[in-house]
Amino acid sequence: MSQNFHVSVSGDDTWAGSVQRPFRTIQHAADLAQPGDIVTIHEGIYREHVNPKRGGTGDNERILYTAALGEKPIISGAERITGWEHVEGSVYRAVVPNRLFGSFNPYREIVWGDWFRSLDRTFHLGEVYLNGKSLFEVVTLDEVIHPRPFAQAREPEWSLHAWCCEVDEQNTTIHANFGTFNPAEEIIEINVRKFCFWPESTGIDYITVRGLILTMAAPNWAPPTALQEGLIGPHWSKGWIIEDCEVSN
């Protein structure tokens, strides 16, 4: 008999996963879900990488991950960063312990791959977001302090909101120019996870993902000649349906 597991930001993974006593993480529900089961996700921000352990066995025995009716849950690959230290002007610094990233630090990884147009710039997989909008990466602190509009950007004036990073064995240091914004009063986020919804194993078939907002993950560029990884994707699995989702950053 199929089950409907419920997940809520006010839940607990030690609970039953019912609508009255929901789980806290989507991953916990994914660990339990069997072919034919439904995972119903309620409103809130879920800062996790959902790594489904199994899929369905066919179109009639899918595993469905769906937003609760009328609700807009968010799966985010980012974490909010507070306590920015003022440097000068509109430039601030955050020192982030590398343990936050675990085994994958997107500020250590460079974007690479065939057909990638670097425009003579350096790109890391990580990004800095101001109220959900990505800032503009530059190479040096001087470029953050004295930014110049990047003419080829979609919004050249927004590219004045520049940032750069430096990683050592213990910490990742990010400098960012927030312009007229005060980071103590805004939502500043950085990438922490490579994926939002992506199976680490192949052959996790017949999954449906419906009605979710997925944002701010840090996969690499996906040229035709390499693995087609993305913020959400099937990883060489078959029979997936991704519908009515909003995907960004």
C-alpha atoms as a PDB file:
ATOM      1  CA  MET A   1       0.000   0.000   0.000  1.00  0.00           C
ATOM      2  CA  SER A   2       1.446   3.359  -1.016  1.00  0.00           C
ATOM      3  CA  GLN A   3       2.152   6.043   1.575  1.00  0.00           C
ATOM      4  CA  ASN A   4       2.001   9.836   1.587  1.00  0.00           C
ATOM      5  CA  PHE A   5       4.858  11.291   3.628  1.00  0.00           C
ATOM      6  CA  HIS A   6       4.539  14.924   4.678  1.00  0.00           C
ATOM      7  CA  VAL A   7       7.487  17.288   5.197  1.00  0.00           C
ATOM      8  CA  SER A   8       7.369  20.644   6.994  1.00  0.00           C
ATOM      9  CA  VAL A   9       9.925  23.118   8.307  1.00  0.00           C
ATOM     10  CA  SER A  10       8.140  22.793  11.652  1.00  0.00           C
ATOM     11  CA  GLY A  11       8.392  18.993  11.593  1.00  0.00           C
ATOM     12  CA  ASP A  12      10.867  16.508  13.036  1.00  0.00           C
ATOM     13  CA  ASP A  13      12.566  13.536  11.387  1.00  0.00           C
ATOM     14  CA  THR A  14      11.782  11.394  14.437  1.00  0.00           C
ATOM     15  CA  TRP A  15       8.033  11.847  13.826  1.00  0.00           C
ATOM     16  CA  ALA A  16       5.778   9.654  11.705  1.00  0.00           C
ATOM     17  CA  GLY A  17       5.724  11.774   8.544  1.00  0.00           C
ATOM     18  CA  SER A  18       1.960  12.231   8.702  1.00  0.00           C
ATOM     19  CA  VAL A  19       0.197  15.511   7.970  1.00  0.00           C
ATOM     20  CA  GLN A  20      -0.169  16.038  11.728  1.00  0.00           C
ATOM     21  CA  ARG A  21       3.401  14.933  12.557  1.00  0.00           C
ATOM     22  CA  PRO A  22       5.503  15.686   9.444  1.00  0.00           C
ATOM     23  CA  PHE A  23       9.172  15.068   8.843  1.00  0.00           C
ATOM     24  CA  ARG A  24      11.586  17.993   8.949  1.00  0.00           C
ATOM     25  CA  THR A  25      13.728  17.160   5.892  1.00  0.00           C
ATOM     26  CA  ILE A  26      12.850  16.044   2.404  1.00  0.00           C
ATOM     27  CA  GLN A  27      15.873  13.757   2.491  1.00  0.00           C
ATOM     28  CA  HIS A  28      14.432  11.730   5.368  1.00  0.00           C
ATOM     29  CA  ALA A  29      11.269  11.155   3.368  1.00  0.00           C
ATOM     30  CA  ALA A  30      13.379  10.260   0.322  1.00  0.00           C
ATOM     31  CA  ASP A  31      15.246   7.666   2.360  1.00  0.00           C
ATOM     32  CA  LEU A  32      11.935   5.937   3.134  1.00  0.00           C
ATOM     33  CA  ALA A  33       9.962   6.433  -0.082  1.00  0.00           C
ATOM     34  CA  GLN A  34       9.142   3.309  -2.108  1.00  0.00           C
ATOM     35  CA  PRO A  35       7.625   2.976  -5.603  1.00  0.00           C
ATOM     36  CA  GLY A  36       4.120   4.435  -5.611  1.00  0.00           C
ATOM     37  CA  ASP A  37       4.724   6.696  -2.607  1.00  0.00           C
ATOM     38  CA  ILE A  38       4.132  10.446  -2.441  1.00  0.00           C
ATOM     39  CA  VAL A  39       6.264  13.010  -0.620  1.00  0.00           C
ATOM     40  CA  THR A  40       4.186  16.129   0.046  1.00  0.00           C
ATOM     41  CA  ILE A  41       6.322  19.176   0.844  1.00  0.00           C
ATOM     42  CA  HIS A  42       4.845  22.128   2.708  1.00  0.00           C
ATOM     43  CA  GLU A  43       5.699  25.842   2.589  1.00  0.00           C
ATOM     44  CA  GLY A  44       9.161  26.888   3.766  1.00  0.00           C
ATOM     45  CA  ILE A  45      12.838  26.941   2.800  1.00  0.00           C
ATOM     46  CA  TYR A  46      14.599  23.570   2.824  1.00  0.00           C
ATOM     47  CA  ARG A  47      18.342  24.100   2.757  1.00  0.00           C
ATOM     48  CA  GLU A  48      19.406  20.642   1.674  1.00  0.00           C
ATOM     49  CA  HIS A  49      20.548  18.470  -1.200  1.00  0.00           C
ATOM     50  CA  VAL A  50      17.843  15.893  -1.832  1.00  0.00           C
ATOM     51  CA  ASN A  51      19.584  12.696  -2.937  1.00  0.00           C
ATOM     52  CA  PRO A  52      16.816  10.160  -3.720  1.00  0.00           C
ATOM     53  CA  LYS A  53      17.951   6.635  -2.875  1.00  0.00           C
ATOM     54  CA  ARG A  54      15.432   4.840  -5.068  1.00  0.00           C
ATOM     55  CA  GLY A  55      12.977   5.511  -7.842  1.00  0.00           C
ATOM     56  CA  GLY A  56       9.770   4.016  -9.106  1.00  0.00           C
ATOM     57  CA  THR A  57       9.352   0.900 -11.213  1.00  0.00           C
ATOM     58  CA  GLY A  58       7.279   2.381 -14.031  1.00  0.00           C
ATOM     59  CA  ASP A  59       4.796   5.094 -14.982  1.00  0.00           C
ATOM     60  CA  ASN A  60       2.174   3.583 -12.691  1.00  0.00           C
ATOM     61  CA  GLU A  61       4.579   3.133  -9.781  1.00  0.00           C
ATOM     62  CA  ARG A  62       6.407   6.446  -9.625  1.00  0.00           C
ATOM     63  CA  ILE A  63       7.725   8.248  -6.578  1.00  0.00           C
ATOM     64  CA  LEU A  64       6.179  11.711  -6.539  1.00  0.00           C
ATOM     65  CA  TYR A  65       7.736  14.718  -4.803  1.00  0.00           C
ATOM     66  CA  THR A  66       5.140  17.463  -4.829  1.00  0.00           C
ATOM     67  CA  ALA A  67       4.375  20.806  -3.281  1.00  0.00           C
ATOM     68  CA  ALA A  68       1.365  20.790  -0.980  1.00  0.00           C
ATOM     69  CA  LEU A  69      -1.724  22.226  -2.641  1.00  0.00           C
ATOM     70  CA  GLY A  70      -1.494  26.013  -2.865  1.00  0.00           C
ATOM     71  CA  GLU A  71       1.948  26.132  -1.213  1.00  0.00           C
ATOM     72  CA  LYS A  72       5.386  27.068  -2.608  1.00  0.00           C
ATOM     73  CA  PRO A  73       8.193  25.204  -0.869  1.00  0.00           C
ATOM     74  CA  ILE A  74      11.770  26.151  -1.744  1.00  0.00           C
ATOM     75  CA  ILE A  75      14.780  23.847  -1.936  1.00  0.00           C
ATOM     76  CA  SER A  76      17.922  25.969  -1.666  1.00  0.00           C
ATOM     77  CA  GLY A  77      21.560  25.097  -2.162  1.00  0.00           C
ATOM     78  CA  ALA A  78      22.583  28.222  -0.247  1.00  0.00           C
ATOM     79  CA  GLU A  79      22.999  29.343   3.346  1.00  0.00           C
ATOM     80  CA  ARG A  80      22.384  32.783   4.734  1.00  0.00           C
ATOM     81  CA  ILE A  81      25.510  34.611   5.917  1.00  0.00           C
ATOM     82  CA  THR A  82      25.303  37.301   8.593  1.00  0.00           C
ATOM     83  CA  GLY A  83      27.854  39.296  10.581  1.00  0.00           C
ATOM     84  CA  TRP A  84      29.471  41.017   7.605  1.00  0.00           C
ATOM     85  CA  GLU A  85      32.410  43.185   8.705  1.00  0.00           C
ATOM     86  CA  HIS A  86      32.675  46.640   7.181  1.00  0.00           C
ATOM     87  CA  VAL A  87      35.928  47.213   5.243  1.00  0.00           C
ATOM     88  CA  GLU A  88      35.502  50.592   3.571  1.00  0.00           C
ATOM     89  CA  GLY A  89      32.857  52.452   1.627  1.00  0.00           C
ATOM     90  CA  SER A  90      30.237  49.929   0.561  1.00  0.00           C
ATOM     91  CA  VAL A  91      32.611  46.943   0.806  1.00  0.00           C
ATOM     92  CA  TYR A  92      32.160  44.262   3.468  1.00  0.00           C
ATOM     93  CA  ARG A  93      33.939  41.034   4.386  1.00  0.00           C
ATOM     94  CA  ALA A  94      32.695  37.665   5.621  1.00  0.00           C
ATOM     95  CA  VAL A  95      35.009  34.921   6.873  1.00  0.00           C
ATOM     96  CA  VAL A  96      33.239  31.566   6.491  1.00  0.00           C
ATOM     97  CA  PRO A  97      34.682  28.409   8.121  1.00  0.00           C
ATOM     98  CA  ASN A  98      35.326  25.766   5.470  1.00  0.00           C
ATOM     99  CA  ARG A  99      33.512  23.188   7.591  1.00  0.00           C
ATOM    100  CA  LEU A 100      30.256  24.792   6.421  1.00  0.00           C
ATOM    101  CA  PHE A 101      30.887  23.379   2.946  1.00  0.00           C
ATOM    102  CA  GLY A 102      31.859  19.841   3.913  1.00  0.00           C
ATOM    103  CA  SER A 103      33.723  18.021   1.143  1.00  0.00           C
ATOM    104  CA  PHE A 104      32.649  20.466  -1.593  1.00  0.00           C
ATOM    105  CA  ASN A 105      33.665  24.112  -1.477  1.00  0.00           C
ATOM    106  CA  PRO A 106      32.318  25.939  -4.556  1.00  0.00           C
ATOM    107  CA  TYR A 107      34.661  28.867  -3.889  1.00  0.00           C
ATOM    108  CA  ARG A 108      37.625  26.577  -4.474  1.00  0.00           C
ATOM    109  CA  GLU A 109      36.247  25.198  -7.767  1.00  0.00           C
ATOM    110  CA  ILE A 110      36.644  26.942 -11.141  1.00  0.00           C
ATOM    111  CA  VAL A 111      34.015  26.670 -13.883  1.00  0.00           C
ATOM    112  CA  TRP A 112      35.425  24.697 -16.813  1.00  0.00           C
ATOM    113  CA  GLY A 113      34.375  22.753 -19.895  1.00  0.00           C
ATOM    114  CA  ASP A 114      34.121  22.823 -23.669  1.00  0.00           C
ATOM    115  CA  TRP A 115      32.214  25.733 -25.203  1.00  0.00           C
ATOM    116  CA  PHE A 116      32.410  27.735 -21.985  1.00  0.00           C
ATOM    117  CA  ARG A 117      33.039  31.396 -22.798  1.00  0.00           C
ATOM    118  CA  SER A 118      35.015  32.851 -19.918  1.00  0.00           C
ATOM    119  CA  LEU A 119      35.138  36.352 -21.451  1.00  0.00           C
ATOM    120  CA  ASP A 120      38.633  36.548 -19.960  1.00  0.00           C
ATOM    121  CA  ARG A 121      37.183  36.377 -16.459  1.00  0.00           C
ATOM    122  CA  THR A 122      37.597  33.882 -13.634  1.00  0.00           C
ATOM    123  CA  PHE A 123      34.424  32.160 -12.486  1.00  0.00           C
ATOM    124  CA  HIS A 124      34.051  30.011  -9.382  1.00  0.00           C
ATOM    125  CA  LEU A 125      31.122  27.660  -8.963  1.00  0.00           C
ATOM    126  CA  GLY A 126      30.061  29.644  -5.906  1.00  0.00           C
ATOM    127  CA  GLU A 127      28.095  32.866  -5.987  1.00  0.00           C
ATOM    128  CA  VAL A 128      26.964  35.627  -3.630  1.00  0.00           C
ATOM    129  CA  TYR A 129      23.291  36.631  -3.596  1.00  0.00           C
ATOM    130  CA  LEU A 130      21.685  39.850  -2.411  1.00  0.00           C
ATOM    131  CA  ASN A 131      17.967  39.352  -1.770  1.00  0.00           C
ATOM    132  CA  GLY A 132      17.978  36.463  -4.230  1.00  0.00           C
ATOM    133  CA  LYS A 133      19.908  38.228  -6.997  1.00  0.00           C
ATOM    134  CA  SER A 134      23.460  37.182  -7.834  1.00  0.00           C
ATOM    135  CA  LEU A 135      26.316  39.637  -7.561  1.00  0.00           C
ATOM    136  CA  PHE A 136      29.196  39.896 -10.037  1.00  0.00           C
ATOM    137  CA  GLU A 137      32.449  37.998  -9.484  1.00  0.00           C
ATOM    138  CA  VAL A 138      35.790  39.723 -10.037  1.00  0.00           C
ATOM    139  CA  VAL A 139      39.332  38.538  -9.389  1.00  0.00           C
ATOM    140  CA  THR A 140      40.881  41.067  -7.002  1.00  0.00           C
ATOM    141  CA  LEU A 141      39.873  43.026  -3.929  1.00  0.00           C
ATOM    142  CA  ASP A 142      40.808  46.227  -5.734  1.00  0.00           C
ATOM    143  CA  GLU A 143      38.137  45.441  -8.345  1.00  0.00           C
ATOM    144  CA  VAL A 144      35.607  45.053  -5.523  1.00  0.00           C
ATOM    145  CA  ILE A 145      36.588  48.363  -3.925  1.00  0.00           C
ATOM    146  CA  HIS A 146      36.768  50.195  -7.270  1.00  0.00           C
ATOM    147  CA  PRO A 147      34.263  48.353  -9.494  1.00  0.00           C
ATOM    148  CA  ARG A 148      33.664  49.240 -13.122  1.00  0.00           C
ATOM    149  CA  PRO A 149      30.563  48.277 -15.114  1.00  0.00           C
ATOM    150  CA  PHE A 150      31.061  45.138 -17.198  1.00  0.00           C
ATOM    151  CA  ALA A 151      29.765  46.172 -20.617  1.00  0.00           C
ATOM    152  CA  GLN A 152      28.845  42.634 -21.686  1.00  0.00           C
ATOM    153  CA  ALA A 153      26.742  41.967 -18.597  1.00  0.00           C
ATOM    154  CA  ARG A 154      22.973  41.867 -18.997  1.00  0.00           C
ATOM    155  CA  GLU A 155      22.784  44.646 -16.412  1.00  0.00           C
ATOM    156  CA  PRO A 156      26.086  46.551 -16.584  1.00  0.00           C
ATOM    157  CA  GLU A 157      25.186  48.831 -13.659  1.00  0.00           C
ATOM    158  CA  TRP A 158      24.338  45.851 -11.444  1.00  0.00           C
ATOM    159  CA  SER A 159      27.825  44.456 -12.150  1.00  0.00           C
ATOM    160  CA  LEU A 160      29.132  47.200  -9.834  1.00  0.00           C
ATOM    161  CA  HIS A 161      27.920  44.908  -7.036  1.00  0.00           C
ATOM    162  CA  ALA A 162      31.156  42.962  -7.231  1.00  0.00           C
ATOM    163  CA  TRP A 163      32.634  40.232  -5.069  1.00  0.00           C
ATOM    164  CA  CYS A 164      35.794  38.127  -4.852  1.00  0.00           C
ATOM    165  CA  CYS A 165      36.916  35.215  -2.709  1.00  0.00           C
ATOM    166  CA  GLU A 166      40.021  33.666  -1.197  1.00  0.00           C
ATOM    167  CA  VAL A 167      40.223  30.165   0.268  1.00  0.00           C
ATOM    168  CA  ASP A 168      42.818  28.832   2.689  1.00  0.00           C
ATOM    169  CA  GLU A 169      42.928  25.641   4.739  1.00  0.00           C
ATOM    170  CA  GLN A 170      40.560  26.930   7.415  1.00  0.00           C
ATOM    171  CA  ASN A 171      38.337  29.627   5.944  1.00  0.00           C
ATOM    172  CA  THR A 172      36.752  31.097   2.848  1.00  0.00           C
ATOM    173  CA  THR A 173      36.938  34.891   2.848  1.00  0.00           C
ATOM    174  CA  ILE A 174      34.484  36.790   0.695  1.00  0.00           C
ATOM    175  CA  HIS A 175      34.637  40.509  -0.015  1.00  0.00           C
ATOM    176  CA  ALA A 176      31.532  42.061  -1.530  1.00  0.00           C
ATOM    177  CA  ASN A 177      30.468  45.516  -2.643  1.00  0.00           C
ATOM    178  CA  PHE A 178      26.807  45.958  -1.702  1.00  0.00           C
ATOM    179  CA  GLY A 179      26.445  49.467  -3.115  1.00  0.00           C
ATOM    180  CA  THR A 180      23.617  51.272  -1.337  1.00  0.00           C
ATOM    181  CA  PHE A 181      22.483  48.114   0.473  1.00  0.00           C
ATOM    182  CA  ASN A 182      23.366  47.396   4.099  1.00  0.00           C
ATOM    183  CA  PRO A 183      24.061  43.652   4.474  1.00  0.00           C
ATOM    184  CA  ALA A 184      22.844  43.797   8.088  1.00  0.00           C
ATOM    185  CA  GLU A 185      19.393  44.687   6.777  1.00  0.00           C
ATOM    186  CA  GLU A 186      19.257  42.440   3.688  1.00  0.00           C
ATOM    187  CA  ILE A 187      19.301  38.703   2.982  1.00  0.00           C
ATOM    188  CA  ILE A 188      22.809  37.689   1.890  1.00  0.00           C
ATOM    189  CA  GLU A 189      23.316  34.077   0.835  1.00  0.00           C
ATOM    190  CA  ILE A 190      26.175  32.016  -0.574  1.00  0.00           C
ATOM    191  CA  ASN A 191      26.279  28.643  -2.323  1.00  0.00           C
ATOM    192  CA  VAL A 192      27.040  25.690  -0.096  1.00  0.00           C
ATOM    193  CA  ARG A 193      25.623  22.682  -1.951  1.00  0.00           C
ATOM    194  CA  LYS A 194      26.332  21.501  -5.491  1.00  0.00           C
ATOM    195  CA  PHE A 195      22.784  20.274  -6.106  1.00  0.00           C
ATOM    196  CA  CYS A 196      19.232  20.786  -4.899  1.00  0.00           C
ATOM    197  CA  PHE A 197      17.632  17.585  -6.228  1.00  0.00           C
ATOM    198  CA  TRP A 198      20.036  15.125  -7.820  1.00  0.00           C
ATOM    199  CA  PRO A 199      20.640  11.392  -7.197  1.00  0.00           C
ATOM    200  CA  GLU A 200      24.263  10.527  -6.522  1.00  0.00           C
ATOM    201  CA  SER A 201      23.607   7.061  -7.981  1.00  0.00           C
ATOM    202  CA  THR A 202      22.489   6.361 -11.548  1.00  0.00           C
ATOM    203  CA  GLY A 203      19.400   4.363 -12.434  1.00  0.00           C
ATOM    204  CA  ILE A 204      17.047   6.107  -9.982  1.00  0.00           C
ATOM    205  CA  ASP A 205      14.140   5.906 -12.401  1.00  0.00           C
ATOM    206  CA  TYR A 206      10.532   7.127 -12.632  1.00  0.00           C
ATOM    207  CA  ILE A 207      10.550  10.113 -10.315  1.00  0.00           C
ATOM    208  CA  THR A 208       8.207  13.082 -10.632  1.00  0.00           C
ATOM    209  CA  VAL A 209       9.124  16.457  -9.116  1.00  0.00           C
ATOM    210  CA  ARG A 210       6.196  18.866  -9.153  1.00  0.00           C
ATOM    211  CA  GLY A 211       5.523  22.434  -8.072  1.00  0.00           C
ATOM    212  CA  LEU A 212       8.776  23.149  -6.235  1.00  0.00           C
ATOM    213  CA  ILE A 213      10.999  26.229  -6.282  1.00  0.00           C
ATOM    214  CA  LEU A 214      14.657  25.199  -6.614  1.00  0.00           C
ATOM    215  CA  THR A 215      17.448  27.726  -6.409  1.00  0.00           C
ATOM    216  CA  MET A 216      21.068  28.626  -5.624  1.00  0.00           C
ATOM    217  CA  ALA A 217      23.045  25.439  -6.234  1.00  0.00           C
ATOM    218  CA  ALA A 218      26.561  25.225  -7.679  1.00  0.00           C
ATOM    219  CA  PRO A 219      26.939  22.509 -10.341  1.00  0.00           C
ATOM    220  CA  ASN A 220      29.548  22.941 -13.035  1.00  0.00           C
ATOM    221  CA  TRP A 221      28.919  24.118 -16.583  1.00  0.00           C
ATOM    222  CA  ALA A 222      27.382  21.232 -18.557  1.00  0.00           C
ATOM    223  CA  PRO A 223      28.781  21.094 -22.119  1.00  0.00           C
ATOM    224  CA  PRO A 224      27.501  18.430 -24.546  1.00  0.00           C
ATOM    225  CA  THR A 225      30.740  16.495 -24.113  1.00  0.00           C
ATOM    226  CA  ALA A 226      30.471  16.040 -20.317  1.00  0.00           C
ATOM    227  CA  LEU A 227      28.078  14.986 -17.595  1.00  0.00           C
ATOM    228  CA  GLN A 228      24.854  16.985 -17.833  1.00  0.00           C
ATOM    229  CA  GLU A 229      24.700  17.854 -14.171  1.00  0.00           C
ATOM    230  CA  GLY A 230      22.407  20.588 -12.961  1.00  0.00           C
ATOM    231  CA  LEU A 231      20.668  22.040  -9.956  1.00  0.00           C
ATOM    232  CA  ILE A 232      18.002  19.372 -10.550  1.00  0.00           C
ATOM    233  CA  GLY A 233      18.392  16.374 -12.822  1.00  0.00           C
ATOM    234  CA  PRO A 234      18.105  12.597 -13.239  1.00  0.00           C
ATOM    235  CA  HIS A 235      21.828  11.657 -13.442  1.00  0.00           C
ATOM    236  CA  TRP A 236      21.497   9.033 -16.164  1.00  0.00           C
ATOM    237  CA  SER A 237      18.127   7.816 -14.917  1.00  0.00           C
ATOM    238  CA  LYS A 238      15.026   7.315 -17.065  1.00  0.00           C
ATOM    239  CA  GLY A 239      11.367   8.213 -16.831  1.00  0.00           C
ATOM    240  CA  TRP A 240      11.729  11.457 -14.869  1.00  0.00           C
ATOM    241  CA  ILE A 241       9.080  14.179 -15.030  1.00  0.00           C
ATOM    242  CA  ILE A 242       9.949  17.680 -13.773  1.00  0.00           C
ATOM    243  CA  GLU A 243       6.861  19.884 -14.037  1.00  0.00           C
ATOM    244  CA  ASP A 244       5.515  23.205 -12.777  1.00  0.00           C
ATOM    245  CA  CYS A 245       8.808  23.972 -11.015  1.00  0.00           C
ATOM    246  CA  GLU A 246      10.658  27.282 -10.816  1.00  0.00           C
ATOM    247  CA  VAL A 247      14.410  26.909 -11.291  1.00  0.00           C
ATOM    248  CA  SER A 248      16.859  29.776 -10.829  1.00  0.00           C
ATOM    249  CA  ASN A 249      20.455  30.611  -9.946  1.00  0.00           C
END
